[in-house]
Amino acid sequence: MTKKKDEIEEIKDDLVNLKIRIERLEASINPTYSDGDLLEKATKIVQKYDRASASLLQRRLAIGYARAARLIDQLEASGVIGPTDGSSAPREVFKRKLN
C-alpha cells in the first residue's frame, strides 16, 4: 500500500510542476499584458461584475491561476476589493465604477 501512496504523491508533484510550466508558457505567449495593464483590466472586470475571484479573472483575462491570485492580492492591497472571509465566496468590491 505504501508503494501506491508514493506513486500518487509522485504524480501529484508532476501535476504541480506541469501547472507551473503551463502558467509560464501562457505568460510568454501573451506578453502584451504588462502587470499594470492587467491590474487595470482586472479592476474594470471586478467593477463590472461587482465581485472578485481568481476564477473570474482567469476566465476574463485568459491567464493562469498564479497570475490571477496575484492580481486579487494587488486589488485588495489597493483597496478595490475586500479581504477574503476564509471561504471560497467572491470578495466584496469596494470601489464601484463611476458612470
N, C-alpha and C. Protein backbone atom coordinates (compact mmCIF):
# COMPACT_ATOMS: atom_id res chain seq x y z
N MET A 1 0.81 -1.20 0.00
CA MET A 1 0.00 0.00 0.00
C MET A 1 0.86 1.27 0.00
N THR A 2 2.00 1.23 0.63
CA THR A 2 2.89 2.38 0.69
C THR A 2 3.40 2.74 -0.70
N LYS A 3 3.66 1.74 -1.51
CA LYS A 3 4.15 1.98 -2.87
C LYS A 3 3.13 2.78 -3.67
N LYS A 4 1.85 2.46 -3.52
CA LYS A 4 0.79 3.18 -4.24
C LYS A 4 0.70 4.62 -3.75
N LYS A 5 0.84 4.83 -2.44
CA LYS A 5 0.81 6.20 -1.92
C LYS A 5 1.98 7.01 -2.45
N ASP A 6 3.14 6.37 -2.54
CA ASP A 6 4.31 7.04 -3.10
C ASP A 6 4.09 7.41 -4.56
N GLU A 7 3.47 6.50 -5.31
CA GLU A 7 3.16 6.77 -6.71
C GLU A 7 2.20 7.94 -6.85
N ILE A 8 1.20 7.97 -5.98
CA ILE A 8 0.22 9.06 -6.00
C ILE A 8 0.90 10.39 -5.72
N GLU A 9 1.76 10.42 -4.73
CA GLU A 9 2.47 11.66 -4.39
C GLU A 9 3.38 12.10 -5.54
N GLU A 10 4.01 11.15 -6.19
CA GLU A 10 4.87 11.47 -7.33
C GLU A 10 4.05 12.07 -8.47
N ILE A 11 2.88 11.51 -8.72
CA ILE A 11 2.01 12.04 -9.77
C ILE A 11 1.52 13.44 -9.41
N LYS A 12 1.18 13.65 -8.15
CA LYS A 12 0.76 14.98 -7.71
C LYS A 12 1.87 16.00 -7.93
N ASP A 13 3.10 15.62 -7.58
CA ASP A 13 4.23 16.52 -7.80
C ASP A 13 4.40 16.84 -9.28
N ASP A 14 4.25 15.82 -10.11
CA ASP A 14 4.36 16.02 -11.56
C ASP A 14 3.29 16.98 -12.06
N LEU A 15 2.07 16.86 -11.54
CA LEU A 15 0.98 17.75 -11.95
C LEU A 15 1.26 19.19 -11.54
N VAL A 16 1.78 19.38 -10.35
CA VAL A 16 2.11 20.73 -9.89
C VAL A 16 3.18 21.33 -10.80
N ASN A 17 4.19 20.54 -11.11
CA ASN A 17 5.25 21.04 -11.99
C ASN A 17 4.72 21.37 -13.39
N LEU A 18 3.81 20.55 -13.89
CA LEU A 18 3.22 20.83 -15.19
C LEU A 18 2.39 22.11 -15.17
N LYS A 19 1.66 22.31 -14.08
CA LYS A 19 0.85 23.53 -13.95
C LYS A 19 1.74 24.77 -13.97
N ILE A 20 2.86 24.69 -13.28
CA ILE A 20 3.80 25.82 -13.26
C ILE A 20 4.34 26.07 -14.66
N ARG A 21 4.71 25.01 -15.37
CA ARG A 21 5.22 25.16 -16.73
C ARG A 21 4.17 25.77 -17.65
N ILE A 22 2.92 25.35 -17.51
CA ILE A 22 1.83 25.88 -18.33
C ILE A 22 1.65 27.36 -18.08
N GLU A 23 1.67 27.77 -16.81
CA GLU A 23 1.49 29.18 -16.48
C GLU A 23 2.63 30.03 -17.04
N ARG A 24 3.84 29.50 -16.99
CA ARG A 24 4.98 30.23 -17.55
C ARG A 24 4.84 30.36 -19.06
N LEU A 25 4.40 29.28 -19.71
CA LEU A 25 4.20 29.34 -21.16
C LEU A 25 3.09 30.31 -21.53
N GLU A 26 2.00 30.31 -20.76
CA GLU A 26 0.91 31.25 -21.02
C GLU A 26 1.41 32.68 -20.92
N ALA A 27 2.23 32.95 -19.93
CA ALA A 27 2.76 34.30 -19.75
C ALA A 27 3.67 34.69 -20.91
N SER A 28 4.43 33.74 -21.40
CA SER A 28 5.34 34.05 -22.51
C SER A 28 4.60 34.21 -23.83
N ILE A 29 3.48 33.52 -23.99
CA ILE A 29 2.69 33.62 -25.22
C ILE A 29 1.95 34.95 -25.28
N ASN A 30 1.55 35.46 -24.13
CA ASN A 30 0.73 36.67 -24.06
C ASN A 30 1.52 37.81 -23.43
N PRO A 31 2.62 38.25 -24.05
CA PRO A 31 3.46 39.29 -23.44
C PRO A 31 2.89 40.69 -23.58
N THR A 32 1.78 40.86 -24.26
CA THR A 32 1.22 42.19 -24.46
C THR A 32 0.64 42.76 -23.18
N TYR A 33 0.37 41.89 -22.22
CA TYR A 33 -0.16 42.35 -20.94
C TYR A 33 0.98 42.65 -19.98
N SER A 34 1.16 43.91 -19.63
CA SER A 34 2.09 44.22 -18.56
C SER A 34 1.32 44.08 -17.25
N ASP A 35 2.02 44.08 -16.13
CA ASP A 35 1.32 43.97 -14.86
C ASP A 35 0.37 45.13 -14.63
N GLY A 36 0.78 46.32 -15.07
CA GLY A 36 -0.08 47.49 -14.92
C GLY A 36 -1.34 47.38 -15.76
N ASP A 37 -1.17 46.90 -16.99
CA ASP A 37 -2.32 46.71 -17.88
C ASP A 37 -3.28 45.68 -17.29
N LEU A 38 -2.71 44.59 -16.79
CA LEU A 38 -3.56 43.53 -16.21
C LEU A 38 -4.30 44.03 -14.98
N LEU A 39 -3.62 44.80 -14.14
CA LEU A 39 -4.27 45.31 -12.93
C LEU A 39 -5.42 46.26 -13.31
N GLU A 40 -5.19 47.08 -14.31
CA GLU A 40 -6.25 48.00 -14.76
C GLU A 40 -7.43 47.21 -15.33
N LYS A 41 -7.15 46.20 -16.15
CA LYS A 41 -8.22 45.38 -16.71
C LYS A 41 -8.94 44.59 -15.61
N ALA A 42 -8.18 44.08 -14.65
CA ALA A 42 -8.78 43.33 -13.54
C ALA A 42 -9.71 44.23 -12.72
N THR A 43 -9.29 45.47 -12.50
CA THR A 43 -10.12 46.43 -11.77
C THR A 43 -11.44 46.65 -12.50
N LYS A 44 -11.38 46.85 -13.80
CA LYS A 44 -12.59 47.06 -14.59
C LYS A 44 -13.50 45.83 -14.55
N ILE A 45 -12.91 44.65 -14.58
CA ILE A 45 -13.70 43.42 -14.56
C ILE A 45 -14.44 43.26 -13.23
N VAL A 46 -13.73 43.45 -12.12
CA VAL A 46 -14.40 43.26 -10.82
C VAL A 46 -15.45 44.33 -10.59
N GLN A 47 -15.22 45.53 -11.14
CA GLN A 47 -16.24 46.57 -11.03
C GLN A 47 -17.45 46.23 -11.89
N LYS A 48 -17.23 45.72 -13.07
CA LYS A 48 -18.33 45.38 -13.98
C LYS A 48 -19.21 44.27 -13.40
N TYR A 49 -18.56 43.22 -12.86
CA TYR A 49 -19.31 42.07 -12.36
C TYR A 49 -19.65 42.18 -10.87
N ASP A 50 -19.16 43.24 -10.21
CA ASP A 50 -19.41 43.51 -8.80
C ASP A 50 -19.06 42.32 -7.91
N ARG A 51 -18.00 41.61 -8.27
CA ARG A 51 -17.47 40.53 -7.45
C ARG A 51 -16.04 40.30 -7.90
N ALA A 52 -15.27 39.65 -7.03
CA ALA A 52 -13.86 39.43 -7.36
C ALA A 52 -13.45 38.03 -6.95
N SER A 53 -12.94 37.29 -7.91
CA SER A 53 -12.41 35.96 -7.62
C SER A 53 -11.33 35.65 -8.65
N ALA A 54 -10.40 34.79 -8.25
CA ALA A 54 -9.34 34.40 -9.17
C ALA A 54 -9.92 33.72 -10.42
N SER A 55 -10.94 32.91 -10.23
CA SER A 55 -11.51 32.20 -11.38
C SER A 55 -12.16 33.17 -12.37
N LEU A 56 -12.79 34.22 -11.88
CA LEU A 56 -13.37 35.22 -12.77
C LEU A 56 -12.26 35.88 -13.60
N LEU A 57 -11.17 36.26 -12.94
CA LEU A 57 -10.07 36.89 -13.67
C LEU A 57 -9.40 35.92 -14.63
N GLN A 58 -9.28 34.66 -14.24
CA GLN A 58 -8.71 33.66 -15.14
C GLN A 58 -9.50 33.58 -16.44
N ARG A 59 -10.81 33.50 -16.31
CA ARG A 59 -11.66 33.36 -17.50
C ARG A 59 -11.65 34.62 -18.35
N ARG A 60 -11.80 35.76 -17.72
CA ARG A 60 -11.94 37.01 -18.48
C ARG A 60 -10.64 37.51 -19.08
N LEU A 61 -9.50 37.20 -18.42
CA LEU A 61 -8.21 37.68 -18.91
C LEU A 61 -7.38 36.59 -19.58
N ALA A 62 -7.89 35.37 -19.57
CA ALA A 62 -7.18 34.23 -20.16
C ALA A 62 -5.77 34.10 -19.58
N ILE A 63 -5.71 34.05 -18.25
CA ILE A 63 -4.44 33.92 -17.55
C ILE A 63 -4.51 32.72 -16.62
N GLY A 64 -3.39 32.33 -16.08
CA GLY A 64 -3.33 31.21 -15.16
C GLY A 64 -3.71 31.60 -13.74
N TYR A 65 -3.82 30.59 -12.90
CA TYR A 65 -4.26 30.82 -11.52
C TYR A 65 -3.27 31.70 -10.75
N ALA A 66 -1.99 31.43 -10.88
CA ALA A 66 -1.00 32.17 -10.09
C ALA A 66 -1.07 33.67 -10.38
N ARG A 67 -1.20 34.00 -11.65
CA ARG A 67 -1.29 35.41 -12.02
C ARG A 67 -2.60 36.03 -11.53
N ALA A 68 -3.69 35.28 -11.66
CA ALA A 68 -4.99 35.78 -11.19
C ALA A 68 -4.98 35.99 -9.68
N ALA A 69 -4.39 35.06 -8.95
CA ALA A 69 -4.32 35.20 -7.49
C ALA A 69 -3.47 36.40 -7.10
N ARG A 70 -2.38 36.63 -7.83
CA ARG A 70 -1.54 37.79 -7.56
C ARG A 70 -2.31 39.09 -7.82
N LEU A 71 -3.12 39.10 -8.87
CA LEU A 71 -3.95 40.28 -9.15
C LEU A 71 -4.97 40.51 -8.05
N ILE A 72 -5.56 39.43 -7.53
CA ILE A 72 -6.51 39.56 -6.42
C ILE A 72 -5.82 40.20 -5.22
N ASP A 73 -4.61 39.76 -4.92
CA ASP A 73 -3.84 40.34 -3.81
C ASP A 73 -3.56 41.82 -4.05
N GLN A 74 -3.23 42.19 -5.29
CA GLN A 74 -2.96 43.59 -5.62
C GLN A 74 -4.23 44.43 -5.52
N LEU A 75 -5.35 43.86 -5.95
CA LEU A 75 -6.62 44.59 -5.85
C LEU A 75 -6.98 44.83 -4.39
N GLU A 76 -6.74 43.84 -3.54
CA GLU A 76 -7.01 44.02 -2.11
C GLU A 76 -6.09 45.08 -1.51
N ALA A 77 -4.80 45.03 -1.85
CA ALA A 77 -3.83 45.99 -1.32
C ALA A 77 -4.16 47.42 -1.74
N SER A 78 -4.73 47.57 -2.93
CA SER A 78 -5.07 48.91 -3.41
C SER A 78 -6.45 49.38 -2.96
N GLY A 79 -7.15 48.54 -2.22
CA GLY A 79 -8.45 48.94 -1.67
C GLY A 79 -9.63 48.79 -2.61
N VAL A 80 -9.44 48.11 -3.72
CA VAL A 80 -10.53 47.92 -4.68
C VAL A 80 -11.49 46.85 -4.18
N ILE A 81 -10.95 45.81 -3.54
CA ILE A 81 -11.77 44.71 -3.03
C ILE A 81 -11.46 44.45 -1.56
N GLY A 82 -12.37 43.76 -0.91
CA GLY A 82 -12.19 43.43 0.50
C GLY A 82 -11.37 42.17 0.69
N PRO A 83 -11.07 41.89 1.96
CA PRO A 83 -10.30 40.68 2.26
C PRO A 83 -11.15 39.43 2.11
N THR A 84 -10.49 38.30 2.05
CA THR A 84 -11.19 37.02 1.98
C THR A 84 -11.85 36.74 3.33
N ASP A 85 -12.97 36.06 3.29
CA ASP A 85 -13.62 35.70 4.55
C ASP A 85 -13.33 34.25 4.93
N GLY A 86 -12.35 33.66 4.28
CA GLY A 86 -11.96 32.29 4.60
C GLY A 86 -12.71 31.24 3.81
N SER A 87 -13.70 31.64 3.06
CA SER A 87 -14.45 30.68 2.25
C SER A 87 -14.10 30.89 0.78
N SER A 88 -14.76 30.16 -0.06
CA SER A 88 -14.50 30.31 -1.50
C SER A 88 -15.42 31.35 -2.14
N ALA A 89 -16.13 32.11 -1.31
CA ALA A 89 -17.03 33.12 -1.83
C ALA A 89 -16.25 34.27 -2.47
N PRO A 90 -16.78 34.86 -3.53
CA PRO A 90 -16.10 36.01 -4.14
C PRO A 90 -15.98 37.16 -3.15
N ARG A 91 -14.95 37.97 -3.32
CA ARG A 91 -14.71 39.08 -2.41
C ARG A 91 -15.61 40.27 -2.74
N GLU A 92 -15.85 41.08 -1.74
CA GLU A 92 -16.66 42.28 -1.92
C GLU A 92 -15.86 43.33 -2.68
N VAL A 93 -16.54 44.04 -3.59
CA VAL A 93 -15.92 45.10 -4.36
C VAL A 93 -16.28 46.42 -3.69
N PHE A 94 -15.24 47.19 -3.28
CA PHE A 94 -15.47 48.45 -2.58
C PHE A 94 -15.64 49.62 -3.53
N LYS A 95 -14.77 49.74 -4.50
CA LYS A 95 -14.82 50.88 -5.42
C LYS A 95 -15.66 50.50 -6.63
N ARG A 96 -16.77 51.12 -6.76
CA ARG A 96 -17.66 50.86 -7.88
C ARG A 96 -17.29 51.73 -9.07
N LYS A 97 -17.62 51.27 -10.24
CA LYS A 97 -17.37 52.02 -11.46
C LYS A 97 -18.22 53.28 -11.43
N LEU A 98 -17.60 54.41 -11.74
CA LEU A 98 -18.32 55.68 -11.75
C LEU A 98 -18.75 55.99 -13.17
N ASN A 99 -20.05 56.11 -13.38
CA ASN A 99 -20.57 56.45 -14.71
C ASN A 99 -21.46 57.65 -14.61
